[in-house]
Protein backbone atom coordinates (compact mmCIF):
# COMPACT_ATOMS: atom_id res chain seq x y z
CA MET A 1 1.62 6.97 34.93
CA ALA A 2 -1.87 8.21 34.05
CA ARG A 3 -0.46 10.14 31.11
CA ARG A 4 1.34 7.04 29.84
CA GLY A 5 -1.86 5.01 30.15
CA SER A 6 -3.82 7.70 28.34
CA TYR A 7 -1.26 7.70 25.52
CA ALA A 8 -1.42 3.91 25.20
CA LYS A 9 -5.21 4.06 25.04
CA GLY A 10 -4.98 6.73 22.36
CA VAL A 11 -2.63 4.60 20.27
CA ALA A 12 -4.91 1.58 20.69
CA LYS A 13 -7.97 3.61 19.68
CA ARG A 14 -6.18 5.00 16.65
CA ASP A 15 -5.27 1.47 15.57
CA GLU A 16 -8.87 0.36 16.13
CA ILE A 17 -10.09 3.20 13.90
CA LEU A 18 -7.66 2.25 11.12
CA THR A 19 -8.50 -1.45 11.33
CA GLU A 20 -12.22 -0.73 11.13
CA ALA A 21 -11.69 1.81 8.35
CA LEU A 22 -9.86 -0.85 6.32
CA ARG A 23 -12.88 -3.12 6.63
CA VAL A 24 -15.47 -0.45 5.84
CA ILE A 25 -13.61 1.07 2.88
CA ALA A 26 -12.83 -2.37 1.44
CA ARG A 27 -16.56 -3.07 1.51
CA ASN A 28 -18.01 0.31 0.49
CA GLY A 29 -15.26 1.98 -1.50
CA TYR A 30 -13.61 5.35 -0.99
CA SER A 31 -16.28 7.53 -2.56
CA ARG A 32 -19.10 5.89 -0.57
CA THR A 33 -17.39 5.99 2.82
CA SER A 34 -18.03 9.00 5.05
CA VAL A 35 -16.29 10.15 8.19
CA ARG A 36 -19.63 9.78 9.98
CA GLU A 37 -19.86 6.10 9.01
CA LEU A 38 -16.32 5.43 10.22
CA ALA A 39 -17.01 7.28 13.46
CA ASP A 40 -20.20 5.29 14.05
CA ALA A 41 -18.31 2.03 13.44
CA VAL A 42 -15.93 2.74 16.33
CA GLY A 43 -18.42 4.43 18.65
CA LEU A 44 -17.22 8.01 18.21
CA SER A 45 -18.67 11.28 17.00
CA GLN A 46 -17.20 12.85 13.86
CA ALA A 47 -15.40 15.37 16.08
CA GLY A 48 -14.15 12.54 18.26
CA LEU A 49 -12.78 10.69 15.25
CA LEU A 50 -11.04 13.79 13.93
CA HIS A 51 -9.38 14.19 17.33
CA TYR A 52 -7.09 11.37 16.21
CA PHE A 53 -6.66 12.64 12.63
CA SER A 54 -6.60 16.29 11.63
CA SER A 55 -8.57 15.75 8.40
CA LYS A 56 -10.36 13.15 6.31
CA GLU A 57 -7.36 13.12 3.96
CA GLU A 58 -4.93 12.43 6.80
CA LEU A 59 -7.19 9.63 8.02
CA PHE A 60 -7.30 8.00 4.59
CA ALA A 61 -3.53 8.32 4.17
CA ALA A 62 -3.14 6.55 7.53
CA VAL A 63 -5.54 3.85 6.30
CA LEU A 64 -3.30 3.26 3.28
CA GLN A 65 -0.25 3.06 5.53
CA LYS A 66 -2.06 0.50 7.67
CA ARG A 67 -2.95 -1.45 4.52
CA ASP A 68 0.72 -1.49 3.48
CA GLU A 69 1.67 -2.85 6.90
CA VAL A 70 -0.95 -5.60 6.67
CA ASP A 71 0.07 -6.53 3.12
CA SER A 72 3.76 -6.57 4.09
CA ARG A 73 3.00 -8.89 6.99
CA ASP A 74 0.74 -11.18 4.96
CA PHE A 75 2.57 -11.37 1.62
CA VAL A 76 6.26 -10.68 2.23
CA SER A 77 8.48 -12.39 4.77
CA GLY A 78 10.37 -10.28 7.28
CA ASP A 79 11.39 -10.06 10.91
CA GLY A 80 8.01 -9.00 12.23
CA ASP A 81 8.60 -5.29 11.63
CA PRO A 82 6.08 -4.22 8.96
CA SER A 83 8.24 -1.37 7.60
CA LEU A 84 9.57 -1.88 4.09
CA ALA A 85 13.14 -1.27 5.23
CA SER A 86 12.98 -4.39 7.42
CA LEU A 87 11.41 -6.72 4.87
CA ALA A 88 13.42 -9.60 3.52
CA VAL A 89 14.23 -9.10 -0.15
CA SER A 90 12.72 -11.47 -2.67
CA GLU A 91 14.63 -13.09 -5.52
CA ASN A 92 11.36 -12.81 -7.45
CA PRO A 93 9.95 -9.37 -6.58
CA PHE A 94 7.61 -9.68 -9.56
CA GLY A 95 5.98 -12.71 -7.98
CA SER A 96 5.48 -10.84 -4.70
CA LEU A 97 4.02 -7.86 -6.55
CA ALA A 98 1.72 -10.06 -8.64
CA THR A 99 0.40 -11.70 -5.46
CA VAL A 100 -0.42 -8.31 -3.92
CA MET A 101 -2.07 -7.12 -7.16
CA ARG A 102 -4.28 -10.21 -7.22
CA HIS A 103 -5.17 -9.61 -3.58
CA ASN A 104 -6.15 -6.02 -4.43
CA THR A 105 -8.96 -7.34 -6.63
CA GLU A 106 -10.52 -8.79 -3.46
CA VAL A 107 -10.56 -5.36 -1.75
CA PRO A 108 -11.67 -3.02 -4.55
CA GLY A 109 -12.62 -0.25 -2.14
CA LEU A 110 -9.03 0.01 -0.90
CA ALA A 111 -7.70 -0.08 -4.46
CA GLN A 112 -10.05 2.78 -5.28
CA LEU A 113 -8.92 4.70 -2.20
CA TYR A 114 -5.26 4.36 -3.21
CA THR A 115 -5.82 5.42 -6.81
CA ARG A 116 -8.03 8.39 -5.95
CA LEU A 117 -5.90 9.66 -3.08
CA ALA A 118 -2.65 9.24 -5.04
CA ALA A 119 -4.05 11.40 -7.83
CA GLU A 120 -5.19 14.07 -5.37
CA ALA A 121 -1.85 13.99 -3.54
CA THR A 122 0.09 15.08 -6.63
CA ASP A 123 -0.72 18.55 -5.28
CA ALA A 124 2.17 19.39 -2.93
CA SER A 125 -0.23 21.10 -0.51
CA HIS A 126 -2.39 17.98 -0.09
CA PRO A 127 -2.25 16.43 3.42
CA ALA A 128 -1.27 13.04 1.96
CA HIS A 129 1.45 14.38 -0.37
CA ASP A 130 4.36 13.64 1.96
CA PHE A 131 2.99 10.15 2.66
CA PHE A 132 3.01 9.27 -1.03
CA VAL A 133 6.47 10.76 -1.58
CA GLN A 134 7.87 8.67 1.29
CA ARG A 135 5.93 5.59 0.21
CA GLY A 136 7.26 5.84 -3.32
CA HIS A 137 10.81 6.19 -2.07
CA GLU A 138 10.50 3.17 0.24
CA PHE A 139 8.94 0.95 -2.42
CA ARG A 140 11.58 1.90 -4.99
CA GLU A 141 14.29 1.04 -2.48
CA TYR A 142 12.66 -2.29 -1.62
CA PHE A 143 12.13 -3.37 -5.22
CA ALA A 144 15.62 -2.23 -6.23
CA ARG A 145 17.12 -4.34 -3.43
CA SER A 146 15.02 -7.30 -4.54
CA VAL A 147 16.04 -6.90 -8.19
CA ARG A 148 19.69 -6.87 -7.10
CA ALA A 149 19.04 -10.05 -5.11
CA SER A 150 17.61 -11.62 -8.28
CA GLN A 151 20.73 -10.58 -10.17
CA ALA A 152 23.02 -11.97 -7.47
CA ALA A 153 21.12 -15.28 -7.64
CA GLY A 154 21.53 -15.40 -11.42
CA ARG A 155 17.82 -14.97 -12.10
CA LEU A 156 18.08 -11.58 -13.80
CA SER A 157 20.70 -10.15 -16.12
CA PRO A 158 23.35 -8.06 -14.33
CA ALA A 159 23.02 -5.54 -17.17
CA ILE A 160 19.58 -4.48 -15.93
CA ASP A 161 19.44 -1.20 -13.99
CA ALA A 162 17.81 -2.21 -10.70
CA ASP A 163 16.75 1.31 -9.74
CA LYS A 164 15.05 1.95 -13.07
CA VAL A 165 13.32 -1.44 -13.03
CA ALA A 166 12.02 -0.69 -9.52
CA THR A 167 10.51 2.58 -10.73
CA ILE A 168 8.99 0.83 -13.74
CA MET A 169 7.46 -1.86 -11.51
CA ILE A 170 5.67 0.77 -9.43
CA ALA A 171 4.52 2.69 -12.51
CA VAL A 172 3.19 -0.48 -14.14
CA ALA A 173 1.41 -1.57 -10.95
CA ASP A 174 -0.24 1.83 -10.49
CA GLY A 175 -1.24 1.98 -14.15
CA LEU A 176 -2.63 -1.55 -14.12
CA GLN A 177 -4.69 -0.78 -11.05
CA THR A 178 -6.25 2.23 -12.78
CA GLN A 179 -7.00 0.12 -15.87
CA TRP A 180 -8.47 -2.63 -13.70
CA MET A 181 -10.81 -0.15 -12.00
CA ILE A 182 -12.09 0.76 -15.47
CA ASP A 183 -12.17 -2.83 -16.69
CA PRO A 184 -12.39 -5.40 -13.86
CA GLU A 185 -11.82 -8.23 -16.35
CA LEU A 186 -8.15 -7.21 -16.58
CA ASP A 187 -5.81 -9.70 -14.87
CA MET A 188 -3.25 -7.47 -13.16
CA GLY A 189 -1.15 -10.32 -11.82
CA GLU A 190 -0.85 -11.86 -15.28
CA HIS A 191 0.57 -8.62 -16.65
CA ILE A 192 3.12 -8.38 -13.83
CA ASP A 193 4.15 -11.96 -14.60
CA TYR A 194 4.56 -10.98 -18.25
CA LEU A 195 6.80 -8.05 -17.28
CA ALA A 196 9.04 -10.54 -15.47
CA GLU A 197 9.18 -12.64 -18.65
CA LEU A 198 10.10 -9.62 -20.75
CA LEU A 199 12.98 -8.86 -18.40
CA GLY A 200 14.16 -12.47 -18.67
CA LEU A 201 13.54 -13.57 -15.08
CA VAL A 202 14.71 -17.15 -14.67
CA PRO A 203 11.95 -19.20 -12.92
């Protein structure tokens, strides 16, 4: 019983760390957030914090996963399970994506974290590499299912390849986020809306 209680406390503490890290990184940005600052925010030493995560990179990958769960809960309807596989498909996946992209402008530190860590994780030996591979697979599956739902509802042409459009959506979103970090005047949501127009999405 004690072991079970200890495990539950560990899970709760890990979630507390991730929740606080979301707040701190959103405020300070990736490059200006240290492990020491995150540890101080949750009343731990650096060594204590890294007891829950084997490295800074693993911690930041877990922060991004937590962010995805929060965004899924807040911006996409589902059955309460934050995993992408459980999310209800949208007949307008472009609208859902545009909403998230607009939200990202309100948390620039997290957008910076994603862009920087994604670039670093192209190295197969990086601790976050597997996270990004799995994340990419899950998002492609989700968007492809949503595009097919749009086609079934008569809102997109059946001639469109749903899998390829899903990959393009992710590539455009990632590219827009990089451009927005360089030029904050860029309206990312507007460009996602325009992509939907180009593909002939029926409002």
